[in-house]
C-alpha atoms as a PDB file:
ATOM      1  CA  MET A   1     -13.828  36.997  22.110  1.00  0.00           C
ATOM      2  CA  LYS A   2     -16.169  37.899  19.334  1.00  0.00           C
ATOM      3  CA  GLU A   3     -13.362  37.744  16.718  1.00  0.00           C
ATOM      4  CA  SER A   4     -12.149  34.440  18.136  1.00  0.00           C
ATOM      5  CA  ARG A   5     -15.715  33.097  17.877  1.00  0.00           C
ATOM      6  CA  LEU A   6     -15.891  34.265  14.186  1.00  0.00           C
ATOM      7  CA  GLY A   7     -12.602  32.684  13.445  1.00  0.00           C
ATOM      8  CA  TRP A   8     -13.734  29.473  14.888  1.00  0.00           C
ATOM      9  CA  VAL A   9     -16.965  29.497  12.865  1.00  0.00           C
ATOM     10  CA  ALA A  10     -14.966  30.339   9.756  1.00  0.00           C
ATOM     11  CA  ARG A  11     -12.570  27.452  10.128  1.00  0.00           C
ATOM     12  CA  ARG A  12     -15.206  25.016  10.809  1.00  0.00           C
ATOM     13  CA  GLY A  13     -17.121  26.290   7.765  1.00  0.00           C
ATOM     14  CA  THR A  14     -14.131  26.152   5.610  1.00  0.00           C
ATOM     15  CA  LEU A  15     -13.443  22.667   6.735  1.00  0.00           C
ATOM     16  CA  ALA A  16     -17.162  21.615   6.178  1.00  0.00           C
ATOM     17  CA  VAL A  17     -17.029  23.040   2.605  1.00  0.00           C
ATOM     18  CA  LEU A  18     -13.835  21.299   1.749  1.00  0.00           C
ATOM     19  CA  GLY A  19     -15.070  18.087   3.168  1.00  0.00           C
ATOM     20  CA  LEU A  20     -18.213  18.325   1.092  1.00  0.00           C
ATOM     21  CA  ILE A  21     -16.121  18.897  -2.055  1.00  0.00           C
ATOM     22  CA  TRP A  22     -13.857  15.900  -1.210  1.00  0.00           C
ATOM     23  CA  LEU A  23     -17.080  13.762  -0.905  1.00  0.00           C
ATOM     24  CA  ILE A  24     -18.587  14.606  -4.247  1.00  0.00           C
ATOM     25  CA  PRO A  25     -16.491  11.978  -6.244  1.00  0.00           C
ATOM     26  CA  VAL A  26     -17.234   9.402  -3.511  1.00  0.00           C
ATOM     27  CA  TYR A  27     -20.857  10.277  -3.996  1.00  0.00           C
ATOM     28  CA  LEU A  28     -20.744   9.869  -7.602  1.00  0.00           C
ATOM     29  CA  LEU A  29     -18.985   6.497  -7.323  1.00  0.00           C
ATOM     30  CA  LEU A  30     -21.568   5.186  -4.985  1.00  0.00           C
ATOM     31  CA  VAL A  31     -24.725   6.384  -6.862  1.00  0.00           C
ATOM     32  CA  ASN A  32     -23.553   4.994 -10.229  1.00  0.00           C
ATOM     33  CA  ALA A  33     -22.118   1.851  -8.938  1.00  0.00           C
ATOM     34  CA  PHE A  34     -25.348   0.889  -7.456  1.00  0.00           C
ATOM     35  CA  LYS A  35     -27.169   1.434 -10.642  1.00  0.00           C
ATOM     36  CA  PRO A  36     -28.120  -1.423 -12.935  1.00  0.00           C
ATOM     37  CA  THR A  37     -26.253  -1.395 -16.237  1.00  0.00           C
ATOM     38  CA  GLU A  38     -29.444  -0.716 -18.214  1.00  0.00           C
ATOM     39  CA  SER A  39     -30.370   2.154 -16.060  1.00  0.00           C
ATOM     40  CA  TYR A  40     -27.241   4.038 -16.448  1.00  0.00           C
ATOM     41  CA  ASP A  41     -27.436   7.612 -18.235  1.00  0.00           C
ATOM     42  CA  ALA A  42     -24.399   9.744 -18.506  1.00  0.00           C
ATOM     43  CA  GLU A  43     -26.886  12.766 -18.303  1.00  0.00           C
ATOM     44  CA  LYS A  44     -28.178  11.691 -14.955  1.00  0.00           C
ATOM     45  CA  ILE A  45     -24.963  10.725 -12.847  1.00  0.00           C
ATOM     46  CA  TRP A  46     -26.091  12.806 -10.056  1.00  0.00           C
ATOM     47  CA  THR A  47     -29.590  11.107  -9.657  1.00  0.00           C
ATOM     48  CA  PRO A  48     -29.836   7.839  -7.616  1.00  0.00           C
ATOM     49  CA  ASP A  49     -31.623   4.896  -9.226  1.00  0.00           C
ATOM     50  CA  PRO A  50     -34.455   3.148  -7.109  1.00  0.00           C
ATOM     51  CA  ASN A  51     -33.295  -0.262  -8.598  1.00  0.00           C
ATOM     52  CA  PHE A  52     -30.256  -1.989  -6.832  1.00  0.00           C
ATOM     53  CA  GLY A  53     -27.823  -3.305  -9.265  1.00  0.00           C
ATOM     54  CA  LEU A  54     -24.551  -3.546  -7.223  1.00  0.00           C
ATOM     55  CA  PHE A  55     -24.351  -7.392  -7.030  1.00  0.00           C
ATOM     56  CA  ALA A  56     -25.242  -7.904 -10.619  1.00  0.00           C
ATOM     57  CA  ASN A  57     -22.396  -5.507 -11.524  1.00  0.00           C
ATOM     58  CA  LEU A  58     -19.962  -7.318  -9.332  1.00  0.00           C
ATOM     59  CA  ARG A  59     -20.929 -10.658 -10.735  1.00  0.00           C
ATOM     60  CA  GLU A  60     -20.523  -9.450 -14.261  1.00  0.00           C
ATOM     61  CA  ALA A  61     -17.107  -8.047 -13.406  1.00  0.00           C
ATOM     62  CA  TRP A  62     -16.064 -10.995 -11.559  1.00  0.00           C
ATOM     63  CA  GLU A  63     -16.874 -13.281 -14.406  1.00  0.00           C
ATOM     64  CA  ALA A  64     -15.416 -11.036 -17.164  1.00  0.00           C
ATOM     65  CA  VAL A  65     -11.840 -10.884 -16.072  1.00  0.00           C
ATOM     66  CA  GLY A  66     -11.126 -13.509 -13.585  1.00  0.00           C
ATOM     67  CA  LEU A  67     -11.408 -11.196 -10.655  1.00  0.00           C
ATOM     68  CA  GLY A  68     -11.487 -13.827  -7.864  1.00  0.00           C
ATOM     69  CA  GLU A  69      -7.825 -15.210  -8.766  1.00  0.00           C
ATOM     70  CA  SER A  70      -6.537 -11.621  -9.214  1.00  0.00           C
ATOM     71  CA  ILE A  71      -7.776 -10.795  -5.678  1.00  0.00           C
ATOM     72  CA  ALA A  72      -6.022 -13.776  -4.071  1.00  0.00           C
ATOM     73  CA  SER A  73      -2.938 -13.068  -5.881  1.00  0.00           C
ATOM     74  CA  THR A  74      -3.024  -9.378  -4.819  1.00  0.00           C
ATOM     75  CA  ALA A  75      -3.623 -10.413  -1.205  1.00  0.00           C
ATOM     76  CA  LEU A  76      -0.517 -12.482  -1.430  1.00  0.00           C
ATOM     77  CA  TYR A  77       1.646  -9.724  -2.661  1.00  0.00           C
ATOM     78  CA  SER A  78       0.311  -7.115  -0.506  1.00  0.00           C
ATOM     79  CA  VAL A  79       0.927  -9.202   2.712  1.00  0.00           C
ATOM     80  CA  THR A  80       4.082 -11.187   1.867  1.00  0.00           C
ATOM     81  CA  GLY A  81       5.995  -8.350   0.408  1.00  0.00           C
ATOM     82  CA  PRO A  82       5.708  -5.716   3.075  1.00  0.00           C
ATOM     83  CA  ALA A  83       6.066  -8.441   5.752  1.00  0.00           C
ATOM     84  CA  LEU A  84       9.398  -9.395   4.266  1.00  0.00           C
ATOM     85  CA  ALA A  85      10.456  -5.921   3.776  1.00  0.00           C
ATOM     86  CA  VAL A  86       9.841  -4.923   7.385  1.00  0.00           C
ATOM     87  CA  VAL A  87      11.818  -7.633   8.616  1.00  0.00           C
ATOM     88  CA  ILE A  88      14.676  -7.068   6.230  1.00  0.00           C
ATOM     89  CA  GLY A  89      14.480  -3.298   6.996  1.00  0.00           C
ATOM     90  CA  ALA A  90      14.585  -3.846  10.585  1.00  0.00           C
ATOM     91  CA  MET A  91      17.566  -5.926  10.393  1.00  0.00           C
ATOM     92  CA  ALA A  92      19.229  -3.369   8.232  1.00  0.00           C
ATOM     93  CA  GLY A  93      18.582  -0.659  10.575  1.00  0.00           C
ATOM     94  CA  TYR A  94      19.801  -2.685  13.475  1.00  0.00           C
ATOM     95  CA  ALA A  95      23.011  -3.522  11.667  1.00  0.00           C
ATOM     96  CA  ILE A  96      23.692   0.158  10.676  1.00  0.00           C
ATOM     97  CA  VAL A  97      22.762   1.811  13.946  1.00  0.00           C
ATOM     98  CA  VAL A  98      23.156  -0.565  16.761  1.00  0.00           C
ATOM     99  CA  LEU A  99      25.954  -2.987  15.380  1.00  0.00           C
ATOM    100  CA  ARG A 100      27.408   0.166  13.935  1.00  0.00           C
ATOM    101  CA  LEU A 101      28.198  -1.504  10.532  1.00  0.00           C
ATOM    102  CA  ARG A 102      31.426  -0.083   8.927  1.00  0.00           C
ATOM    103  CA  ALA A 103      30.579   2.357   6.297  1.00  0.00           C
ATOM    104  CA  GLY A 104      26.981   2.180   7.472  1.00  0.00           C
ATOM    105  CA  PHE A 105      25.940   5.449   6.206  1.00  0.00           C
ATOM    106  CA  TRP A 106      27.008   4.302   2.707  1.00  0.00           C
ATOM    107  CA  TRP A 107      25.168   1.139   3.023  1.00  0.00           C
ATOM    108  CA  PHE A 108      21.986   3.119   4.012  1.00  0.00           C
ATOM    109  CA  LEU A 109      22.419   5.284   0.859  1.00  0.00           C
ATOM    110  CA  LEU A 110      22.671   2.269  -1.402  1.00  0.00           C
ATOM    111  CA  LEU A 111      19.479   0.908   0.172  1.00  0.00           C
ATOM    112  CA  PHE A 112      17.533   4.221   0.069  1.00  0.00           C
ATOM    113  CA  GLY A 113      19.196   5.744  -2.852  1.00  0.00           C
ATOM    114  CA  GLY A 114      17.252   3.776  -5.424  1.00  0.00           C
ATOM    115  CA  THR A 115      14.007   5.606  -4.397  1.00  0.00           C
ATOM    116  CA  VAL A 116      15.107   8.765  -6.020  1.00  0.00           C
ATOM    117  CA  PHE A 117      14.611   7.270  -9.581  1.00  0.00           C
ATOM    118  CA  PRO A 118      11.168   7.050 -10.994  1.00  0.00           C
ATOM    119  CA  SER A 119       9.578   3.659 -11.008  1.00  0.00           C
ATOM    120  CA  GLN A 120       9.031   4.181 -14.854  1.00  0.00           C
ATOM    121  CA  MET A 121      12.797   4.013 -15.377  1.00  0.00           C
ATOM    122  CA  LEU A 122      12.977   0.547 -13.977  1.00  0.00           C
ATOM    123  CA  LEU A 123      10.214  -1.017 -16.187  1.00  0.00           C
ATOM    124  CA  ILE A 124      12.111  -1.930 -19.409  1.00  0.00           C
ATOM    125  CA  PRO A 125      15.312  -3.350 -17.418  1.00  0.00           C
ATOM    126  CA  LEU A 126      12.882  -5.342 -15.030  1.00  0.00           C
ATOM    127  CA  PHE A 127      10.940  -6.606 -18.033  1.00  0.00           C
ATOM    128  CA  LEU A 128      14.062  -7.858 -19.761  1.00  0.00           C
ATOM    129  CA  GLY A 129      15.624  -9.317 -16.616  1.00  0.00           C
ATOM    130  CA  TYR A 130      12.499 -11.106 -15.525  1.00  0.00           C
ATOM    131  CA  SER A 131      12.048 -12.485 -19.141  1.00  0.00           C
ATOM    132  CA  TRP A 132      15.718 -13.815 -18.982  1.00  0.00           C
ATOM    133  CA  ALA A 133      15.401 -15.268 -15.563  1.00  0.00           C
ATOM    134  CA  ASP A 134      11.957 -16.771 -16.374  1.00  0.00           C
ATOM    135  CA  LEU A 135      10.284 -14.762 -13.513  1.00  0.00           C
ATOM    136  CA  TYR A 136       7.976 -12.915 -15.834  1.00  0.00           C
ATOM    137  CA  ASP A 137       4.418 -13.820 -15.106  1.00  0.00           C
ATOM    138  CA  ARG A 138       5.094 -15.549 -11.980  1.00  0.00           C
ATOM    139  CA  ARG A 139       3.787 -14.854  -8.417  1.00  0.00           C
ATOM    140  CA  PHE A 140       7.423 -15.308  -7.063  1.00  0.00           C
ATOM    141  CA  GLY A 141       8.673 -12.611  -9.375  1.00  0.00           C
ATOM    142  CA  LEU A 142       5.932 -10.068  -8.309  1.00  0.00           C
ATOM    143  CA  VAL A 143       6.563 -10.997  -4.676  1.00  0.00           C
ATOM    144  CA  LEU A 144      10.235 -10.477  -5.190  1.00  0.00           C
ATOM    145  CA  ILE A 145       9.895  -6.905  -6.959  1.00  0.00           C
ATOM    146  CA  TYR A 146       7.271  -5.669  -4.322  1.00  0.00           C
ATOM    147  CA  THR A 147       9.599  -6.724  -1.389  1.00  0.00           C
ATOM    148  CA  ALA A 148      12.611  -4.957  -2.984  1.00  0.00           C
ATOM    149  CA  VAL A 149      10.585  -1.795  -3.533  1.00  0.00           C
ATOM    150  CA  SER A 150       9.325  -1.786   0.122  1.00  0.00           C
ATOM    151  CA  ILE A 151      12.621  -2.304   1.730  1.00  0.00           C
ATOM    152  CA  PRO A 152      14.058   1.183   1.426  1.00  0.00           C
ATOM    153  CA  LEU A 153      11.225   2.926   3.335  1.00  0.00           C
ATOM    154  CA  ALA A 154      11.422   0.222   6.051  1.00  0.00           C
ATOM    155  CA  ALA A 155      15.031   0.680   6.209  1.00  0.00           C
ATOM    156  CA  PHE A 156      14.726   4.443   6.375  1.00  0.00           C
ATOM    157  CA  VAL A 157      12.266   4.176   9.294  1.00  0.00           C
ATOM    158  CA  MET A 158      14.194   1.623  11.279  1.00  0.00           C
ATOM    159  CA  ARG A 159      17.441   3.602  11.095  1.00  0.00           C
ATOM    160  CA  ASN A 160      15.595   6.775  12.438  1.00  0.00           C
ATOM    161  CA  PHE A 161      13.871   4.614  15.078  1.00  0.00           C
ATOM    162  CA  PHE A 162      16.949   2.767  16.409  1.00  0.00           C
ATOM    163  CA  THR A 163      18.826   6.096  16.414  1.00  0.00           C
ATOM    164  CA  GLY A 164      16.479   6.985  19.341  1.00  0.00           C
ATOM    165  CA  VAL A 165      16.860   3.953  21.292  1.00  0.00           C
ATOM    166  CA  ALA A 166      19.672   4.382  23.973  1.00  0.00           C
ATOM    167  CA  TYR A 167      22.814   2.245  22.959  1.00  0.00           C
ATOM    168  CA  GLU A 168      23.410   1.362  26.711  1.00  0.00           C
ATOM    169  CA  MET A 169      20.438  -1.091  26.189  1.00  0.00           C
ATOM    170  CA  PHE A 170      22.577  -2.994  23.782  1.00  0.00           C
ATOM    171  CA  GLU A 171      25.641  -2.931  25.942  1.00  0.00           C
ATOM    172  CA  ALA A 172      23.845  -4.146  28.898  1.00  0.00           C
ATOM    173  CA  ALA A 173      22.442  -7.009  27.047  1.00  0.00           C
ATOM    174  CA  ARG A 174      25.884  -7.960  25.750  1.00  0.00           C
ATOM    175  CA  VAL A 175      27.279  -7.571  29.167  1.00  0.00           C
ATOM    176  CA  GLU A 176      24.543 -10.343  30.345  1.00  0.00           C
ATOM    177  CA  GLY A 177      25.875 -12.635  27.524  1.00  0.00           C
ATOM    178  CA  ALA A 178      23.091 -12.153  25.031  1.00  0.00           C
ATOM    179  CA  SER A 179      24.084 -12.644  21.321  1.00  0.00           C
ATOM    180  CA  THR A 180      23.416  -9.865  18.683  1.00  0.00           C
ATOM    181  CA  TRP A 181      20.663 -12.021  17.087  1.00  0.00           C
ATOM    182  CA  LEU A 182      18.931 -12.531  20.512  1.00  0.00           C
ATOM    183  CA  ILE A 183      19.225  -8.987  21.240  1.00  0.00           C
ATOM    184  CA  PHE A 184      17.671  -8.153  18.045  1.00  0.00           C
ATOM    185  CA  ARG A 185      14.846 -10.679  18.360  1.00  0.00           C
ATOM    186  CA  LYS A 186      13.865 -10.200  21.866  1.00  0.00           C
ATOM    187  CA  ILE A 187      14.495  -6.378  22.587  1.00  0.00           C
ATOM    188  CA  TYR A 188      14.917  -4.195  19.449  1.00  0.00           C
ATOM    189  CA  PHE A 189      12.404  -5.859  17.121  1.00  0.00           C
ATOM    190  CA  PRO A 190       9.604  -5.955  19.781  1.00  0.00           C
ATOM    191  CA  LEU A 191      10.230  -2.147  20.401  1.00  0.00           C
ATOM    192  CA  ALA A 192      10.055  -1.285  16.748  1.00  0.00           C
ATOM    193  CA  LEU A 193       6.685  -3.284  16.090  1.00  0.00           C
ATOM    194  CA  PRO A 194       4.569  -0.062  16.154  1.00  0.00           C
ATOM    195  CA  ALA A 195       6.756   1.616  13.603  1.00  0.00           C
ATOM    196  CA  LEU A 196       7.075  -1.698  11.510  1.00  0.00           C
ATOM    197  CA  GLY A 197       3.274  -1.626  11.593  1.00  0.00           C
ATOM    198  CA  ALA A 198       2.929   1.761  10.155  1.00  0.00           C
ATOM    199  CA  VAL A 199       5.317   0.862   7.407  1.00  0.00           C
ATOM    200  CA  PHE A 200       3.549  -2.378   6.763  1.00  0.00           C
ATOM    201  CA  ILE A 201       0.096  -0.647   6.368  1.00  0.00           C
ATOM    202  CA  LEU A 202       1.851   2.090   3.969  1.00  0.00           C
ATOM    203  CA  GLU A 203       3.371  -0.689   1.773  1.00  0.00           C
ATOM    204  CA  PHE A 204       0.372  -2.724   1.829  1.00  0.00           C
ATOM    205  CA  ALA A 205      -1.751   0.076   0.454  1.00  0.00           C
ATOM    206  CA  PHE A 206       0.996   0.875  -2.171  1.00  0.00           C
ATOM    207  CA  ILE A 207       1.021  -2.677  -3.455  1.00  0.00           C
ATOM    208  CA  TRP A 208      -2.694  -3.245  -3.475  1.00  0.00           C
ATOM    209  CA  ASN A 209      -3.148  -0.001  -5.662  1.00  0.00           C
ATOM    210  CA  ASP A 210       0.004  -0.693  -7.722  1.00  0.00           C
ATOM    211  CA  LEU A 211      -0.528  -0.826 -11.511  1.00  0.00           C
ATOM    212  CA  LEU A 212       2.882  -0.146 -13.184  1.00  0.00           C
ATOM    213  CA  PHE A 213       4.707  -3.154 -11.932  1.00  0.00           C
ATOM    214  CA  GLY A 214       1.765  -5.617 -12.328  1.00  0.00           C
ATOM    215  CA  LEU A 215       1.174  -4.194 -15.972  1.00  0.00           C
ATOM    216  CA  THR A 216       4.902  -4.744 -16.956  1.00  0.00           C
ATOM    217  CA  LEU A 217       5.567  -8.063 -15.127  1.00  0.00           C
ATOM    218  CA  SER A 218       2.463 -10.237 -15.561  1.00  0.00           C
ATOM    219  CA  GLN A 219      -0.106 -11.076 -17.950  1.00  0.00           C
ATOM    220  CA  SER A 220      -2.388 -14.025 -16.984  1.00  0.00           C
ATOM    221  CA  ASP A 221      -5.401 -13.723 -14.654  1.00  0.00           C
ATOM    222  CA  PRO A 222      -4.034 -16.039 -11.794  1.00  0.00           C
ATOM    223  CA  VAL A 223      -0.935 -13.878 -11.411  1.00  0.00           C
ATOM    224  CA  ARG A 224      -1.703 -10.201 -12.364  1.00  0.00           C
ATOM    225  CA  PRO A 225      -2.585  -7.812  -9.541  1.00  0.00           C
ATOM    226  CA  VAL A 226      -6.158  -6.595  -9.047  1.00  0.00           C
ATOM    227  CA  MET A 227      -5.442  -2.997 -10.520  1.00  0.00           C
ATOM    228  CA  THR A 228      -3.917  -4.534 -13.580  1.00  0.00           C
ATOM    229  CA  THR A 229      -7.209  -6.666 -13.890  1.00  0.00           C
ATOM    230  CA  LEU A 230      -9.357  -3.402 -13.511  1.00  0.00           C
ATOM    231  CA  SER A 231      -7.308  -1.917 -16.216  1.00  0.00           C
ATOM    232  CA  ALA A 232      -8.130  -4.960 -18.525  1.00  0.00           C
ATOM    233  CA  LEU A 233     -11.844  -4.704 -17.387  1.00  0.00           C
ATOM    234  CA  SER A 234     -12.031  -0.865 -18.386  1.00  0.00           C
ATOM    235  CA  SER A 235     -10.324  -1.678 -21.709  1.00  0.00           C
ATOM    236  CA  ALA A 236     -12.889  -4.628 -22.113  1.00  0.00           C
ATOM    237  CA  TYR A 237     -16.041  -2.448 -21.460  1.00  0.00           C
ATOM    238  CA  ALA A 238     -14.501   0.723 -22.672  1.00  0.00           C
ATOM    239  CA  GLY A 239     -17.516   2.979 -21.669  1.00  0.00           C
ATOM    240  CA  SER A 240     -20.222   0.649 -22.422  1.00  0.00           C
ATOM    241  CA  SER A 241     -20.995  -0.589 -18.887  1.00  0.00           C
ATOM    242  CA  VAL A 242     -19.868   2.285 -16.449  1.00  0.00           C
ATOM    243  CA  PRO A 243     -21.739   0.754 -13.271  1.00  0.00           C
ATOM    244  CA  VAL A 244     -19.645  -2.498 -13.715  1.00  0.00           C
ATOM    245  CA  LEU A 245     -16.371  -0.718 -13.799  1.00  0.00           C
ATOM    246  CA  LEU A 246     -17.317   1.476 -10.713  1.00  0.00           C
ATOM    247  CA  ALA A 247     -18.788  -1.435  -8.724  1.00  0.00           C
ATOM    248  CA  ALA A 248     -15.601  -3.459  -9.211  1.00  0.00           C
ATOM    249  CA  GLY A 249     -13.398  -0.280  -8.251  1.00  0.00           C
ATOM    250  CA  LEU A 250     -15.519   0.113  -5.230  1.00  0.00           C
ATOM    251  CA  VAL A 251     -15.077  -3.257  -3.864  1.00  0.00           C
ATOM    252  CA  MET A 252     -11.395  -3.489  -4.711  1.00  0.00           C
ATOM    253  CA  SER A 253     -10.762  -0.304  -2.600  1.00  0.00           C
ATOM    254  CA  LEU A 254     -12.429  -1.726   0.546  1.00  0.00           C
ATOM    255  CA  PRO A 255      -9.439  -3.852   1.740  1.00  0.00           C
ATOM    256  CA  THR A 256      -7.070  -0.774   2.114  1.00  0.00           C
ATOM    257  CA  VAL A 257      -9.803   1.159   3.845  1.00  0.00           C
ATOM    258  CA  ALA A 258     -10.404  -1.785   6.268  1.00  0.00           C
ATOM    259  CA  VAL A 259      -6.808  -2.169   7.102  1.00  0.00           C
ATOM    260  CA  PHE A 260      -6.447   1.592   7.898  1.00  0.00           C
ATOM    261  CA  LEU A 261      -9.600   1.548  10.080  1.00  0.00           C
ATOM    262  CA  ALA A 262      -8.565  -1.527  11.882  1.00  0.00           C
ATOM    263  CA  ALA A 263      -5.189  -0.480  12.677  1.00  0.00           C
ATOM    264  CA  GLN A 264      -5.464   3.504  12.892  1.00  0.00           C
ATOM    265  CA  ARG A 265      -4.164   3.670  16.456  1.00  0.00           C
ATOM    266  CA  MET A 266      -1.076   1.510  15.736  1.00  0.00           C
ATOM    267  CA  PHE A 267      -0.521   3.542  12.532  1.00  0.00           C
ATOM    268  CA  ALA A 268      -0.635   6.805  14.207  1.00  0.00           C
ATOM    269  CA  ARG A 269       1.644   5.786  16.976  1.00  0.00           C
ATOM    270  CA  GLY A 270       3.879   4.162  14.505  1.00  0.00           C
ATOM    271  CA  LEU A 271       4.307   7.200  12.441  1.00  0.00           C
ATOM    272  CA  ALA A 272       5.122   9.198  15.592  1.00  0.00           C
ATOM    273  CA  LEU A 273       7.710   6.678  16.818  1.00  0.00           C
ATOM    274  CA  GLY A 274       9.247   6.100  13.355  1.00  0.00           C
ATOM    275  CA  GLN A 275       9.878   9.709  12.677  1.00  0.00           C
ATOM    276  CA  PHE A 276       8.354   9.531   9.279  1.00  0.00           C
END
C-alpha cells in the first residue's frame, strides 16, 4: 500500500514537472507579448512589465502587413476546405465500403497514397501548374489545394467507420425502396457526423497553421493565409520589435484553441468512432 502511494505521488509529481516545463514557452510568449515595444529587453524576457502594450502591438502588426484581410482569407480556407473534404471523403468511403465499388481497395490507395510523399515535393509542380492555369494568388486556387490535401484523411477515416456499420442496414433500406443517394444522405452521413467533425477539426487546425502552400501559391495581402502574413511580418521587423511578433502570433493561435475547446467532446467521440 505504501509503495502504491509512493508510486502515485511519483507519477503525479512527474506529470506536474513535465507540465511546468511545457508551460515555460507559453509563459514567455504571454509575458513578452504584453510588453510595450519600447520596454522590451532581451536580457529581461522572464520579467513581466507593469505597462500593458498588447493592444498597441496588435495595432502595429495589423497595420503593417494587412492582417485583417489575411485573417478573413484564412477563415475561408480553414472552413471551406475541410467542409468540402469531409463530404467528398464520406462519399468515397461510402462508395468503397457500402456500395462495394469495383477495385475499391485500389481506389482507396489512389486517394490515400499521395500522403506518403512529403508536401515539399509538391511545391514546384503546384507552382508551375497554378501559374499556367491562372490559379496563382487566387482564393479559389488555395481552397482547391486545401480541399485536395484534406480529402485523404477524410476518406481513410470514413472507410474505417463505414466498415464497422452493419451492411444489413443498407440492404434493409434498399428493400424499402430507398435509393443509394437517399441512404447515404439520411442514414450513413448522419451516423458519421461525429467522426467527420473530428476530421474537420484536425484539418481546420492544419490549414490555419499552414505555411508551405500559402507561401508558394499566394503573394498579395488579401489572398495569402495568416501564417504567410506572419512570416512577412517577422521578415519586416527582423528582431527589432519582438513584442509585436509575439502579440500577432498569440492572437493568431486563438481560433484553433477556441475550436478545440468548443468541440472537445465531439472531437473525442469522433476519434473513437473514426478509429484514428
